[in-house]
Amino acid sequence: MKSVFLLLLLFLSACTIRMGAFAPRRPDIVEHRDVSRDDCLGCHDLSGRPDHKPDDDCLRCHHLIKGV
């Protein structure tokens, strides 16, 4: 039972890290459509975010949401 719990915990944390499951989504506004990583950094300052590196790909985790 303990090994099943550890395996489940490992699986869930690995998926979260890989997919950015809990990353805030980008609202569907004109400024967020068809953007690049450099566009993101032009508006959003990451200096206060220790979990973000300057070379991170913002669009890998922060997906555009539609219909909300």
PDB file of N, CA and C in Angstrom:
ATOM      1  N   MET A   1       0.833  -1.197   0.000  1.00  0.00           N
ATOM      2  CA  MET A   1       0.000   0.000   0.000  1.00  0.00           C
ATOM      3  C   MET A   1       0.875   1.257   0.000  1.00  0.00           C
ATOM      4  N   LYS A   2       1.939   1.210   0.771  1.00  0.00           N
ATOM      5  CA  LYS A   2       2.832   2.364   0.850  1.00  0.00           C
ATOM      6  C   LYS A   2       3.501   2.630  -0.501  1.00  0.00           C
ATOM      7  N   SER A   3       3.887   1.578  -1.192  1.00  0.00           N
ATOM      8  CA  SER A   3       4.534   1.754  -2.493  1.00  0.00           C
ATOM      9  C   SER A   3       3.557   2.307  -3.530  1.00  0.00           C
ATOM     10  N   VAL A   4       2.297   1.930  -3.460  1.00  0.00           N
ATOM     11  CA  VAL A   4       1.286   2.457  -4.380  1.00  0.00           C
ATOM     12  C   VAL A   4       1.111   3.956  -4.148  1.00  0.00           C
ATOM     13  N   PHE A   5       1.069   4.358  -2.888  1.00  0.00           N
ATOM     14  CA  PHE A   5       0.944   5.778  -2.559  1.00  0.00           C
ATOM     15  C   PHE A   5       2.145   6.564  -3.069  1.00  0.00           C
ATOM     16  N   LEU A   6       3.351   6.043  -2.866  1.00  0.00           N
ATOM     17  CA  LEU A   6       4.554   6.724  -3.345  1.00  0.00           C
ATOM     18  C   LEU A   6       4.595   6.799  -4.864  1.00  0.00           C
ATOM     19  N   LEU A   7       4.178   5.740  -5.518  1.00  0.00           N
ATOM     20  CA  LEU A   7       4.135   5.734  -6.971  1.00  0.00           C
ATOM     21  C   LEU A   7       3.129   6.757  -7.501  1.00  0.00           C
ATOM     22  N   LEU A   8       1.974   6.827  -6.874  1.00  0.00           N
ATOM     23  CA  LEU A   8       0.957   7.796  -7.270  1.00  0.00           C
ATOM     24  C   LEU A   8       1.451   9.227  -7.042  1.00  0.00           C
ATOM     25  N   LEU A   9       2.088   9.464  -5.929  1.00  0.00           N
ATOM     26  CA  LEU A   9       2.636  10.792  -5.627  1.00  0.00           C
ATOM     27  C   LEU A   9       3.699  11.180  -6.649  1.00  0.00           C
ATOM     28  N   LEU A  10       4.579  10.255  -6.983  1.00  0.00           N
ATOM     29  CA  LEU A  10       5.614  10.512  -7.981  1.00  0.00           C
ATOM     30  C   LEU A  10       4.993  10.816  -9.341  1.00  0.00           C
ATOM     31  N   PHE A  11       4.005  10.034  -9.739  1.00  0.00           N
ATOM     32  CA  PHE A  11       3.339  10.245 -11.023  1.00  0.00           C
ATOM     33  C   PHE A  11       2.682  11.614 -11.094  1.00  0.00           C
ATOM     34  N   LEU A  12       1.956  11.986 -10.044  1.00  0.00           N
ATOM     35  CA  LEU A  12       1.248  13.263 -10.038  1.00  0.00           C
ATOM     36  C   LEU A  12       2.212  14.443 -10.028  1.00  0.00           C
ATOM     37  N   SER A  13       3.273  14.358  -9.274  1.00  0.00           N
ATOM     38  CA  SER A  13       4.216  15.479  -9.229  1.00  0.00           C
ATOM     39  C   SER A  13       4.984  15.580 -10.543  1.00  0.00           C
ATOM     40  N   ALA A  14       5.309  14.461 -11.174  1.00  0.00           N
ATOM     41  CA  ALA A  14       6.014  14.499 -12.454  1.00  0.00           C
ATOM     42  C   ALA A  14       5.136  15.119 -13.529  1.00  0.00           C
ATOM     43  N   CYS A  15       3.860  14.792 -13.545  1.00  0.00           N
ATOM     44  CA  CYS A  15       2.945  15.374 -14.533  1.00  0.00           C
ATOM     45  C   CYS A  15       2.782  16.868 -14.298  1.00  0.00           C
ATOM     46  N   THR A  16       2.722  17.269 -13.050  1.00  0.00           N
ATOM     47  CA  THR A  16       2.574  18.690 -12.740  1.00  0.00           C
ATOM     48  C   THR A  16       3.775  19.475 -13.213  1.00  0.00           C
ATOM     49  N   ILE A  17       4.956  18.949 -13.001  1.00  0.00           N
ATOM     50  CA  ILE A  17       6.169  19.644 -13.413  1.00  0.00           C
ATOM     51  C   ILE A  17       6.252  19.695 -14.938  1.00  0.00           C
ATOM     52  N   ARG A  18       5.925  18.599 -15.589  1.00  0.00           N
ATOM     53  CA  ARG A  18       6.053  18.528 -17.036  1.00  0.00           C
ATOM     54  C   ARG A  18       5.001  19.368 -17.753  1.00  0.00           C
ATOM     55  N   MET A  19       3.772  19.347 -17.280  1.00  0.00           N
ATOM     56  CA  MET A  19       2.673  19.972 -17.999  1.00  0.00           C
ATOM     57  C   MET A  19       2.279  21.350 -17.478  1.00  0.00           C
ATOM     58  N   GLY A  20       2.754  21.735 -16.313  1.00  0.00           N
ATOM     59  CA  GLY A  20       2.309  23.004 -15.764  1.00  0.00           C
ATOM     60  C   GLY A  20       0.824  22.991 -15.481  1.00  0.00           C
ATOM     61  N   ALA A  21       0.337  21.924 -14.886  1.00  0.00           N
ATOM     62  CA  ALA A  21      -1.101  21.730 -14.702  1.00  0.00           C
ATOM     63  C   ALA A  21      -1.759  22.824 -13.878  1.00  0.00           C
ATOM     64  N   PHE A  22      -1.025  23.417 -12.968  1.00  0.00           N
ATOM     65  CA  PHE A  22      -1.605  24.435 -12.103  1.00  0.00           C
ATOM     66  C   PHE A  22      -1.190  25.852 -12.511  1.00  0.00           C
ATOM     67  N   ALA A  23      -0.595  26.007 -13.679  1.00  0.00           N
ATOM     68  CA  ALA A  23      -0.197  27.324 -14.157  1.00  0.00           C
ATOM     69  C   ALA A  23      -1.440  28.112 -14.551  1.00  0.00           C
ATOM     70  N   PRO A  24      -1.481  29.387 -14.198  1.00  0.00           N
ATOM     71  CA  PRO A  24      -2.630  30.202 -14.617  1.00  0.00           C
ATOM     72  C   PRO A  24      -2.723  30.249 -16.139  1.00  0.00           C
ATOM     73  N   ARG A  25      -3.923  30.224 -16.638  1.00  0.00           N
ATOM     74  CA  ARG A  25      -4.139  30.264 -18.082  1.00  0.00           C
ATOM     75  C   ARG A  25      -4.210  31.717 -18.546  1.00  0.00           C
ATOM     76  N   ARG A  26      -3.854  31.933 -19.818  1.00  0.00           N
ATOM     77  CA  ARG A  26      -3.913  33.281 -20.385  1.00  0.00           C
ATOM     78  C   ARG A  26      -5.337  33.557 -20.828  1.00  0.00           C
ATOM     79  N   PRO A  27      -5.929  34.647 -20.368  1.00  0.00           N
ATOM     80  CA  PRO A  27      -7.271  35.007 -20.855  1.00  0.00           C
ATOM     81  C   PRO A  27      -7.229  35.279 -22.355  1.00  0.00           C
ATOM     82  N   ASP A  28      -8.301  34.995 -23.038  1.00  0.00           N
ATOM     83  CA  ASP A  28      -8.384  35.174 -24.490  1.00  0.00           C
ATOM     84  C   ASP A  28      -8.643  36.641 -24.808  1.00  0.00           C
ATOM     85  N   ILE A  29      -7.560  37.409 -24.787  1.00  0.00           N
ATOM     86  CA  ILE A  29      -7.621  38.824 -25.168  1.00  0.00           C
ATOM     87  C   ILE A  29      -6.650  39.041 -26.319  1.00  0.00           C
ATOM     88  N   VAL A  30      -6.783  40.155 -27.005  1.00  0.00           N
ATOM     89  CA  VAL A  30      -5.968  40.424 -28.192  1.00  0.00           C
ATOM     90  C   VAL A  30      -4.476  40.327 -27.879  1.00  0.00           C
ATOM     91  N   GLU A  31      -4.049  40.851 -26.735  1.00  0.00           N
ATOM     92  CA  GLU A  31      -2.631  40.861 -26.390  1.00  0.00           C
ATOM     93  C   GLU A  31      -2.070  39.460 -26.164  1.00  0.00           C
ATOM     94  N   HIS A  32      -2.909  38.486 -25.863  1.00  0.00           N
ATOM     95  CA  HIS A  32      -2.439  37.134 -25.575  1.00  0.00           C
ATOM     96  C   HIS A  32      -2.505  36.192 -26.775  1.00  0.00           C
ATOM     97  N   ARG A  33      -3.087  36.629 -27.851  1.00  0.00           N
ATOM     98  CA  ARG A  33      -3.184  35.782 -29.041  1.00  0.00           C
ATOM     99  C   ARG A  33      -1.915  35.922 -29.874  1.00  0.00           C
ATOM    100  N   ASP A  34      -1.443  34.817 -30.415  1.00  0.00           N
ATOM    101  CA  ASP A  34      -0.277  34.809 -31.313  1.00  0.00           C
ATOM    102  C   ASP A  34       0.918  35.549 -30.717  1.00  0.00           C
ATOM    103  N   VAL A  35       1.302  35.185 -29.500  1.00  0.00           N
ATOM    104  CA  VAL A  35       2.448  35.812 -28.850  1.00  0.00           C
ATOM    105  C   VAL A  35       3.628  34.843 -28.817  1.00  0.00           C
ATOM    106  N   SER A  36       4.795  35.406 -28.581  1.00  0.00           N
ATOM    107  CA  SER A  36       6.003  34.606 -28.402  1.00  0.00           C
ATOM    108  C   SER A  36       6.492  34.803 -26.968  1.00  0.00           C
ATOM    109  N   ARG A  37       7.506  34.063 -26.577  1.00  0.00           N
ATOM    110  CA  ARG A  37       8.064  34.189 -25.234  1.00  0.00           C
ATOM    111  C   ARG A  37       8.568  35.615 -24.991  1.00  0.00           C
ATOM    112  N   ASP A  38       9.177  36.208 -26.000  1.00  0.00           N
ATOM    113  CA  ASP A  38       9.676  37.577 -25.852  1.00  0.00           C
ATOM    114  C   ASP A  38       8.543  38.570 -25.643  1.00  0.00           C
ATOM    115  N   ASP A  39       7.399  38.319 -26.274  1.00  0.00           N
ATOM    116  CA  ASP A  39       6.239  39.177 -26.052  1.00  0.00           C
ATOM    117  C   ASP A  39       5.787  39.099 -24.599  1.00  0.00           C
ATOM    118  N   CYS A  40       5.817  37.895 -24.036  1.00  0.00           N
ATOM    119  CA  CYS A  40       5.415  37.718 -22.635  1.00  0.00           C
ATOM    120  C   CYS A  40       6.327  38.516 -21.716  1.00  0.00           C
ATOM    121  N   LEU A  41       7.625  38.405 -21.963  1.00  0.00           N
ATOM    122  CA  LEU A  41       8.591  39.084 -21.106  1.00  0.00           C
ATOM    123  C   LEU A  41       8.557  40.597 -21.289  1.00  0.00           C
ATOM    124  N   GLY A  42       8.007  41.077 -22.403  1.00  0.00           N
ATOM    125  CA  GLY A  42       7.862  42.513 -22.607  1.00  0.00           C
ATOM    126  C   GLY A  42       6.812  43.123 -21.697  1.00  0.00           C
ATOM    127  N   CYS A  43       5.833  42.320 -21.265  1.00  0.00           N
ATOM    128  CA  CYS A  43       4.757  42.818 -20.403  1.00  0.00           C
ATOM    129  C   CYS A  43       4.864  42.336 -18.959  1.00  0.00           C
ATOM    130  N   HIS A  44       5.396  41.126 -18.765  1.00  0.00           N
ATOM    131  CA  HIS A  44       5.411  40.519 -17.434  1.00  0.00           C
ATOM    132  C   HIS A  44       6.828  40.454 -16.880  1.00  0.00           C
ATOM    133  N   ASP A  45       7.027  41.030 -15.707  1.00  0.00           N
ATOM    134  CA  ASP A  45       8.328  41.027 -15.041  1.00  0.00           C
ATOM    135  C   ASP A  45       8.459  39.757 -14.200  1.00  0.00           C
ATOM    136  N   LEU A  46       9.479  38.961 -14.461  1.00  0.00           N
ATOM    137  CA  LEU A  46       9.667  37.704 -13.740  1.00  0.00           C
ATOM    138  C   LEU A  46      10.711  37.806 -12.631  1.00  0.00           C
ATOM    139  N   SER A  47      11.227  39.004 -12.372  1.00  0.00           N
ATOM    140  CA  SER A  47      12.286  39.143 -11.374  1.00  0.00           C
ATOM    141  C   SER A  47      11.828  38.742  -9.973  1.00  0.00           C
ATOM    142  N   GLY A  48      10.560  38.883  -9.671  1.00  0.00           N
ATOM    143  CA  GLY A  48      10.045  38.505  -8.356  1.00  0.00           C
ATOM    144  C   GLY A  48       9.541  37.079  -8.292  1.00  0.00           C
ATOM    145  N   ARG A  49       9.750  36.307  -9.341  1.00  0.00           N
ATOM    146  CA  ARG A  49       9.252  34.928  -9.415  1.00  0.00           C
ATOM    147  C   ARG A  49      10.432  33.958  -9.404  1.00  0.00           C
ATOM    148  N   PRO A  50      10.797  33.437  -8.243  1.00  0.00           N
ATOM    149  CA  PRO A  50      11.946  32.520  -8.200  1.00  0.00           C
ATOM    150  C   PRO A  50      11.713  31.203  -8.945  1.00  0.00           C
ATOM    151  N   ASP A  51      10.458  30.860  -9.209  1.00  0.00           N
ATOM    152  CA  ASP A  51      10.157  29.608  -9.913  1.00  0.00           C
ATOM    153  C   ASP A  51      10.175  29.761 -11.431  1.00  0.00           C
ATOM    154  N   HIS A  52      10.466  30.961 -11.922  1.00  0.00           N
ATOM    155  CA  HIS A  52      10.559  31.207 -13.360  1.00  0.00           C
ATOM    156  C   HIS A  52      11.965  31.672 -13.693  1.00  0.00           C
ATOM    157  N   LYS A  53      12.519  31.097 -14.751  1.00  0.00           N
ATOM    158  CA  LYS A  53      13.839  31.504 -15.235  1.00  0.00           C
ATOM    159  C   LYS A  53      13.654  32.357 -16.487  1.00  0.00           C
ATOM    160  N   PRO A  54      14.572  33.261 -16.761  1.00  0.00           N
ATOM    161  CA  PRO A  54      14.426  34.116 -17.953  1.00  0.00           C
ATOM    162  C   PRO A  54      14.360  33.338 -19.270  1.00  0.00           C
ATOM    163  N   ASP A  55      14.917  32.137 -19.316  1.00  0.00           N
ATOM    164  CA  ASP A  55      14.894  31.372 -20.559  1.00  0.00           C
ATOM    165  C   ASP A  55      13.758  30.355 -20.622  1.00  0.00           C
ATOM    166  N   ASP A  56      12.835  30.373 -19.649  1.00  0.00           N
ATOM    167  CA  ASP A  56      11.677  29.477 -19.674  1.00  0.00           C
ATOM    168  C   ASP A  56      10.766  29.810 -20.849  1.00  0.00           C
ATOM    169  N   ASP A  57      10.075  28.803 -21.346  1.00  0.00           N
ATOM    170  CA  ASP A  57       9.091  29.000 -22.410  1.00  0.00           C
ATOM    171  C   ASP A  57       7.725  29.196 -21.753  1.00  0.00           C
ATOM    172  N   CYS A  58       7.253  30.412 -21.704  1.00  0.00           N
ATOM    173  CA  CYS A  58       5.997  30.757 -21.037  1.00  0.00           C
ATOM    174  C   CYS A  58       4.812  29.979 -21.617  1.00  0.00           C
ATOM    175  N   LEU A  59       4.822  29.805 -22.922  1.00  0.00           N
ATOM    176  CA  LEU A  59       3.678  29.220 -23.606  1.00  0.00           C
ATOM    177  C   LEU A  59       3.566  27.716 -23.391  1.00  0.00           C
ATOM    178  N   ARG A  60       4.608  27.086 -22.842  1.00  0.00           N
ATOM    179  CA  ARG A  60       4.549  25.656 -22.558  1.00  0.00           C
ATOM    180  C   ARG A  60       3.555  25.373 -21.437  1.00  0.00           C
ATOM    181  N   CYS A  61       3.461  26.273 -20.470  1.00  0.00           N
ATOM    182  CA  CYS A  61       2.586  26.056 -19.314  1.00  0.00           C
ATOM    183  C   CYS A  61       1.358  26.963 -19.304  1.00  0.00           C
ATOM    184  N   HIS A  62       1.523  28.183 -19.780  1.00  0.00           N
ATOM    185  CA  HIS A  62       0.436  29.152 -19.726  1.00  0.00           C
ATOM    186  C   HIS A  62      -0.325  29.133 -21.050  1.00  0.00           C
ATOM    187  N   HIS A  63      -1.337  28.293 -21.112  1.00  0.00           N
ATOM    188  CA  HIS A  63      -2.126  28.111 -22.334  1.00  0.00           C
ATOM    189  C   HIS A  63      -3.238  29.150 -22.428  1.00  0.00           C
ATOM    190  N   LEU A  64      -3.643  29.436 -23.646  1.00  0.00           N
ATOM    191  CA  LEU A  64      -4.749  30.357 -23.893  1.00  0.00           C
ATOM    192  C   LEU A  64      -6.068  29.622 -23.644  1.00  0.00           C
ATOM    193  N   ILE A  65      -6.949  30.241 -22.861  1.00  0.00           N
ATOM    194  CA  ILE A  65      -8.264  29.649 -22.654  1.00  0.00           C
ATOM    195  C   ILE A  65      -9.278  30.366 -23.525  1.00  0.00           C
ATOM    196  N   LYS A  66     -10.192  29.625 -24.064  1.00  0.00           N
ATOM    197  CA  LYS A  66     -11.206  30.207 -24.934  1.00  0.00           C
ATOM    198  C   LYS A  66     -12.586  29.857 -24.400  1.00  0.00           C
ATOM    199  N   GLY A  67     -13.531  30.717 -24.673  1.00  0.00           N
ATOM    200  CA  GLY A  67     -14.900  30.458 -24.307  1.00  0.00           C
ATOM    201  C   GLY A  67     -15.242  30.712 -22.856  1.00  0.00           C
ATOM    202  N   VAL A  68     -14.417  31.486 -22.180  1.00  0.00           N
ATOM    203  CA  VAL A  68     -14.699  31.768 -20.770  1.00  0.00           C
ATOM    204  C   VAL A  68     -15.067  33.219 -20.636  1.00  0.00           C
TER     205      VAL A  68
END
